[in-house]
Structure formats: C-alpha cells, structure tokens
Amino acid sequence: MAEIEAGTPVITRVAAILRAVGRERGGATTTAIARSTDIPRATAHRMLTALAEQGLIDREPATGLWFLGPEIYLLGSVSTSRYDAAPVADDLLRGLADDTGESAFLSARRGWETVCVSAVEGSFPLRSHVLYPGSRFPLGIASAGLVVLAHLPDSESDEHLQRSALEKEWGAAHSRAGIEERLRRTRIDGYSLNPGLLVEGSWGIGAAVFDALGQPQWALSLTGVQARMAGERTAHLGETLLRAAHELTRRLRRGDR
C-alpha cells in the first residue's frame, strides 16, 4: 500500500470509493470506480475487496458489479435520527408535487455538496431527470446547491468558488461570474433558479431549509420542463417552495421526527 501512503491519505480514498459506488444505483465496475476516483485500478480493487470483507461494499457474483454493503445500511439507520429530514418532509414533498404537478425533491448538504435524499414525482408526464435520490452536486450547481451556497457567509462561498473550478467540470455557464450573478439573484428572490444549465430545457427551483443554528443544511426543489417553469409561473413556484421550506425549517427546529 506504499503508493497510497505516499499520496492521498487512505481514509480519503476510502471515502471517495464509497461515494463513487453510492452514485451508481445499478452497480459499478472496478474500472469505473478507479476512473471516477483517480485511483489506480489495482489499488481500487484491493480497497474494494477489503471494504467488502467489512460489509461496507458488496459484490454481485454474476456481474462483478460493486454496490454499497449491508454495514452502510446499518450505520445509516443509526444516524437517521440526527440527520434524516426526509420523514419530516414527506408530506410537504407530496403536497408540492400534488399542487404543482412538478417533481419535488429534498437535498441535504454534505460538506461542499448537496445530496438528493428524497423525491416525489409530479403528475405532469414530461419530467426532468437531473435529480434522483443519491445524486450529488457541488454547491453552486443545480438549484439545491445554488440556494444553499447563497445562504452561506460570503467568506465561505468565496472560498468554495475560488478552489472548486466548477467551470472546468460543468461548463462555461458555471463560471465564477455566472454563479455569482445567480447567487445575487437568489439572495434577492429568496429562491434559486437553474434555467436549464445542466440539461437543456430542464429547469429547477430551490429553497433553503435551515437547522437550529440558522445554517442552510437542506433544500427543497422542484424540477420540470422549461415550458412549465418559465415566465410568470417561476415566481409562483418559488413562493410555493419558500412556504414549504419555512414550514420544514420550523418542524426541524421544533424537533419533529
């Protein structure tokens, strides 16, 4: 394991592997995991095998694909009471989907990313498929990440934008200047808007949800096609989201579980 000790710390690579496996709901190959984590394939295989021995990773014999293991589920169930806002938000997500016809989502902040943790599909037959449970985006990307970043202190958002180089991975629309303009607009409106910047024609609107310390730790969002979310309806959907986000914030601060 000398190559690991000489470079990135082992624990950092383990975390990267677990996240990479978790992103692939249909399972992931060793090669794909190695490529997405920038870890040599032989090293990635050894680490995956070791994680499987501990129950943190599972491998399907027939296909050789890797999945998150049973220990991840057990550990996650223990932490649910502290971090899981999904049960508290369930009726709010269903209400948003029923009232608007669009798909509704709850995302949680995890470090400098947001992770989609819950979803309810809307009744309108045309849908956006950018978000789904388990999908991750850096802060500043997609409506959830944008609205969370907008409510962080300027020093923290500046630090994130300076070191992240989001434009390189996500395209010219996510230049620092472009994101900062959307942050400015979000702070004025209270809600964020992603006007098809990830997938053409697929729009998203987000509203932040705060913990007891006033920190933006979650976001509610609606996604749909441009024809249904642009124009005058944008503000209506944004206001609807803000009311739901305010209610979820109130419940979480009150300790509803």
Protein backbone atom coordinates (compact mmCIF):
# COMPACT_ATOMS: atom_id res chain seq x y z
CA MET A 1 0.00 0.00 0.00
CA ALA A 2 3.04 2.28 -0.35
CA GLU A 3 1.51 4.16 -3.25
CA ILE A 4 -1.44 5.20 -1.04
CA GLU A 5 0.73 6.25 1.88
CA ALA A 6 2.86 8.36 -0.42
CA GLY A 7 -0.12 10.21 -1.85
CA THR A 8 -3.68 10.78 -0.78
CA PRO A 9 -4.48 9.53 2.75
CA VAL A 10 -6.15 6.12 2.83
CA ILE A 11 -9.28 7.39 4.55
CA THR A 12 -9.78 9.99 1.81
CA ARG A 13 -9.59 7.32 -0.86
CA VAL A 14 -11.96 5.05 1.05
CA ALA A 15 -14.49 7.88 1.28
CA ALA A 16 -14.10 8.60 -2.45
CA ILE A 17 -14.70 4.94 -3.29
CA LEU A 18 -17.80 4.71 -1.11
CA ARG A 19 -19.24 7.85 -2.72
CA ALA A 20 -18.43 6.56 -6.21
CA VAL A 21 -20.21 3.27 -5.53
CA GLY A 22 -23.16 5.09 -3.98
CA ARG A 23 -23.64 7.23 -7.10
CA GLU A 24 -24.20 4.15 -9.26
CA ARG A 25 -27.60 2.75 -8.36
CA GLY A 26 -27.20 -0.08 -10.86
CA GLY A 27 -23.77 -1.09 -9.58
CA ALA A 28 -20.29 -0.04 -10.68
CA THR A 29 -17.32 -1.82 -12.24
CA THR A 30 -13.86 -1.68 -10.73
CA THR A 31 -12.63 0.21 -13.77
CA ALA A 32 -15.37 2.84 -13.49
CA ILE A 33 -14.68 3.35 -9.79
CA ALA A 34 -10.95 3.67 -10.40
CA ARG A 35 -11.55 6.21 -13.16
CA SER A 36 -14.02 8.35 -11.20
CA THR A 37 -11.82 8.46 -8.09
CA ASP A 38 -8.47 8.79 -9.92
CA ILE A 39 -7.15 5.74 -8.05
CA PRO A 40 -5.07 3.10 -9.89
CA ARG A 41 -7.27 0.15 -10.82
CA ALA A 42 -5.22 -2.42 -8.91
CA THR A 43 -5.32 -0.27 -5.79
CA ALA A 44 -9.05 0.36 -6.18
CA HIS A 45 -9.68 -3.38 -6.47
CA ARG A 46 -7.69 -4.14 -3.32
CA MET A 47 -9.56 -1.46 -1.40
CA LEU A 48 -12.94 -2.62 -2.68
CA THR A 49 -12.14 -6.17 -1.65
CA ALA A 50 -11.08 -5.02 1.82
CA LEU A 51 -14.26 -2.95 2.18
CA ALA A 52 -16.32 -5.96 1.09
CA GLU A 53 -14.73 -8.05 3.83
CA GLN A 54 -16.02 -5.48 6.33
CA GLY A 55 -19.50 -5.44 4.82
CA LEU A 56 -19.21 -1.84 3.63
CA ILE A 57 -19.20 -2.90 -0.03
CA ASP A 58 -20.97 -5.82 -1.68
CA ARG A 59 -20.16 -7.51 -4.99
CA GLU A 60 -22.66 -9.29 -7.21
CA PRO A 61 -21.00 -12.58 -8.26
CA ALA A 62 -22.82 -12.87 -11.58
CA THR A 63 -21.82 -9.45 -12.92
CA GLY A 64 -18.86 -8.42 -10.78
CA LEU A 65 -20.56 -5.09 -10.07
CA TRP A 66 -19.99 -3.35 -6.76
CA PHE A 67 -22.78 -2.00 -4.53
CA LEU A 68 -22.91 -0.40 -1.11
CA GLY A 69 -22.98 -3.12 1.53
CA PRO A 70 -25.20 -4.01 4.49
CA GLU A 71 -22.97 -2.26 7.03
CA ILE A 72 -23.60 1.04 5.25
CA TYR A 73 -27.33 0.49 5.69
CA LEU A 74 -26.94 -0.33 9.38
CA LEU A 75 -24.69 2.65 10.05
CA GLY A 76 -27.06 4.89 8.13
CA SER A 77 -30.05 3.71 10.11
CA VAL A 78 -28.27 4.64 13.35
CA SER A 79 -27.59 8.19 12.13
CA THR A 80 -31.11 8.69 10.79
CA SER A 81 -32.47 10.24 13.98
CA ARG A 82 -29.91 13.04 13.78
CA TYR A 83 -29.61 13.77 10.08
CA ASP A 84 -32.66 12.44 8.26
CA ALA A 85 -35.15 15.18 7.49
CA ALA A 86 -36.92 13.05 4.88
CA PRO A 87 -39.66 11.63 7.17
CA VAL A 88 -40.48 15.14 8.39
CA ALA A 89 -40.58 16.45 4.84
CA ASP A 90 -42.56 13.62 3.27
CA ASP A 91 -46.00 15.25 3.37
CA LEU A 92 -44.52 18.56 2.22
CA LEU A 93 -42.90 16.92 -0.80
CA ARG A 94 -46.15 15.20 -1.68
CA GLY A 95 -48.03 18.45 -1.27
CA LEU A 96 -45.60 20.27 -3.56
CA ALA A 97 -45.88 17.55 -6.22
CA ASP A 98 -49.68 17.45 -5.97
CA ASP A 99 -50.14 21.22 -6.02
CA THR A 100 -47.72 22.00 -8.84
CA GLY A 101 -47.65 18.82 -10.93
CA GLU A 102 -43.84 19.03 -10.90
CA SER A 103 -41.42 16.59 -9.24
CA ALA A 104 -40.36 17.59 -5.72
CA PHE A 105 -37.06 16.81 -4.01
CA LEU A 106 -35.29 17.11 -0.69
CA SER A 107 -31.50 17.50 -0.76
CA ALA A 108 -29.12 17.57 2.20
CA ARG A 109 -25.89 19.48 2.46
CA ARG A 110 -22.85 17.28 2.91
CA GLY A 111 -19.68 19.32 3.11
CA TRP A 112 -19.37 21.23 -0.15
CA GLU A 113 -22.01 19.16 -1.93
CA THR A 114 -25.73 18.58 -1.87
CA VAL A 115 -27.08 15.05 -1.97
CA CYS A 116 -30.64 14.29 -3.06
CA VAL A 117 -32.21 12.16 -0.30
CA SER A 118 -35.90 12.02 -1.22
CA ALA A 119 -38.15 12.54 -4.24
CA VAL A 120 -41.83 12.56 -5.18
CA GLU A 121 -42.77 12.56 -8.86
CA GLY A 122 -45.28 15.07 -10.14
CA SER A 123 -48.33 14.27 -12.24
CA PHE A 124 -47.17 16.09 -15.38
CA PRO A 125 -46.00 13.41 -17.84
CA LEU A 126 -42.87 15.27 -19.04
CA ARG A 127 -40.24 15.31 -16.31
CA SER A 128 -36.67 16.34 -15.67
CA HIS A 129 -34.32 13.51 -14.75
CA VAL A 130 -31.40 15.57 -13.47
CA LEU A 131 -32.18 14.84 -9.82
CA TYR A 132 -32.78 11.46 -8.19
CA PRO A 133 -32.09 10.05 -4.71
CA GLY A 134 -28.35 9.63 -4.30
CA SER A 135 -27.33 12.20 -6.90
CA ARG A 136 -24.67 14.67 -5.78
CA PHE A 137 -23.74 18.13 -6.99
CA PRO A 138 -21.19 20.66 -5.75
CA LEU A 139 -22.57 23.72 -4.02
CA GLY A 140 -23.40 26.25 -6.71
CA ILE A 141 -24.57 23.57 -9.17
CA ALA A 142 -28.29 22.82 -9.66
CA SER A 143 -30.98 24.73 -7.78
CA ALA A 144 -30.42 23.00 -4.42
CA GLY A 145 -26.66 23.61 -4.39
CA LEU A 146 -27.15 27.19 -5.53
CA VAL A 147 -29.64 28.14 -2.83
CA VAL A 148 -27.56 26.54 -0.08
CA LEU A 149 -24.45 28.39 -1.24
CA ALA A 150 -26.37 31.66 -1.43
CA HIS A 151 -27.22 31.44 2.28
CA LEU A 152 -23.68 30.74 3.47
CA PRO A 153 -21.44 33.60 4.65
CA ASP A 154 -19.65 35.42 1.83
CA SER A 155 -16.27 34.22 3.09
CA GLU A 156 -17.33 30.58 2.77
CA SER A 157 -18.92 30.93 -0.66
CA ASP A 158 -15.89 32.87 -1.92
CA GLU A 159 -13.54 30.16 -0.66
CA HIS A 160 -15.61 27.45 -2.33
CA LEU A 161 -15.79 29.20 -5.70
CA GLN A 162 -12.10 30.02 -5.65
CA ARG A 163 -10.92 26.47 -5.09
CA SER A 164 -13.57 24.45 -6.93
CA ALA A 165 -13.07 25.46 -10.59
CA LEU A 166 -16.66 24.49 -11.36
CA GLU A 167 -16.48 25.85 -14.89
CA LYS A 168 -13.91 23.23 -15.88
CA GLU A 169 -16.19 20.31 -14.97
CA TRP A 170 -19.65 21.78 -15.51
CA GLY A 171 -19.17 24.11 -18.46
CA ALA A 172 -18.96 27.81 -19.25
CA ALA A 173 -22.38 28.56 -17.73
CA HIS A 174 -20.82 27.75 -14.36
CA SER A 175 -18.03 30.29 -14.49
CA ARG A 176 -17.42 32.11 -11.23
CA ALA A 177 -19.00 35.26 -12.67
CA GLY A 178 -22.06 33.32 -13.80
CA ILE A 179 -22.54 31.62 -10.43
CA GLU A 180 -22.03 34.86 -8.53
CA GLU A 181 -24.73 36.54 -10.61
CA ARG A 182 -27.14 33.69 -9.84
CA LEU A 183 -26.22 33.90 -6.16
CA ARG A 184 -27.03 37.61 -6.20
CA ARG A 185 -30.40 36.92 -7.82
CA THR A 186 -31.12 34.12 -5.34
CA ARG A 187 -30.47 36.40 -2.38
CA ILE A 188 -32.93 38.92 -3.79
CA ASP A 189 -35.68 36.43 -4.65
CA GLY A 190 -35.15 34.06 -1.73
CA TYR A 191 -35.27 31.06 -4.04
CA SER A 192 -32.80 29.83 -6.69
CA LEU A 193 -33.37 29.16 -10.37
CA ASN A 194 -31.48 26.76 -12.63
CA PRO A 195 -32.74 27.64 -16.13
CA GLY A 196 -31.62 24.54 -18.00
CA LEU A 197 -27.91 24.90 -17.23
CA LEU A 198 -27.28 21.18 -16.68
CA VAL A 199 -29.67 19.72 -19.25
CA GLU A 200 -31.19 21.94 -21.91
CA GLY A 201 -34.88 22.55 -21.25
CA SER A 202 -34.74 21.07 -17.74
CA TRP A 203 -35.36 23.75 -15.10
CA GLY A 204 -35.10 23.66 -11.33
CA ILE A 205 -36.15 25.97 -8.49
CA GLY A 206 -34.82 25.61 -4.93
CA ALA A 207 -35.44 26.96 -1.43
CA ALA A 208 -33.16 26.55 1.58
CA VAL A 209 -34.10 24.79 4.81
CA PHE A 210 -32.25 25.79 7.99
CA ASP A 211 -31.17 23.96 11.13
CA ALA A 212 -31.47 25.21 14.71
CA LEU A 213 -28.30 27.30 14.29
CA GLY A 214 -29.64 29.05 11.21
CA GLN A 215 -27.37 27.14 8.82
CA PRO A 216 -28.67 26.02 5.40
CA GLN A 217 -28.44 22.25 5.74
CA TRP A 218 -31.15 21.14 3.31
CA ALA A 219 -33.02 22.38 0.25
CA LEU A 220 -36.42 21.71 -1.23
CA SER A 221 -36.61 21.89 -5.01
CA LEU A 222 -38.98 21.47 -7.92
CA THR A 223 -37.86 20.37 -11.38
CA GLY A 224 -39.68 20.36 -14.68
CA VAL A 225 -39.56 21.34 -18.30
CA GLN A 226 -38.92 24.92 -19.35
CA ALA A 227 -42.37 25.46 -20.81
CA ARG A 228 -43.96 24.89 -17.39
CA MET A 229 -41.46 26.72 -15.20
CA ALA A 230 -40.51 29.84 -17.13
CA GLY A 231 -42.24 33.21 -17.19
CA GLU A 232 -44.79 34.26 -14.59
CA ARG A 233 -45.00 30.76 -13.12
CA THR A 234 -41.40 30.93 -11.90
CA ALA A 235 -42.28 33.37 -9.11
CA HIS A 236 -45.39 31.40 -8.16
CA LEU A 237 -43.41 28.17 -7.86
CA GLY A 238 -40.66 29.96 -5.94
CA GLU A 239 -43.12 31.36 -3.42
CA THR A 240 -44.76 27.95 -3.03
CA LEU A 241 -41.35 26.41 -2.33
CA LEU A 242 -40.43 29.12 0.17
CA ARG A 243 -43.58 28.45 2.18
CA ALA A 244 -42.83 24.72 2.28
CA ALA A 245 -39.18 25.35 3.20
CA HIS A 246 -40.23 27.68 6.02
CA GLU A 247 -42.59 25.01 7.38
CA LEU A 248 -39.89 22.32 7.20
CA THR A 249 -37.42 24.61 8.96
CA ARG A 250 -39.99 25.20 11.71
CA ARG A 251 -40.59 21.47 12.14
CA LEU A 252 -36.88 20.62 12.29
CA ARG A 253 -36.16 23.33 14.83
CA ARG A 254 -39.08 22.11 16.92
CA GLY A 255 -37.64 18.60 16.82
CA ASP A 256 -40.42 16.85 14.90
CA ARG A 257 -39.34 13.32 13.90
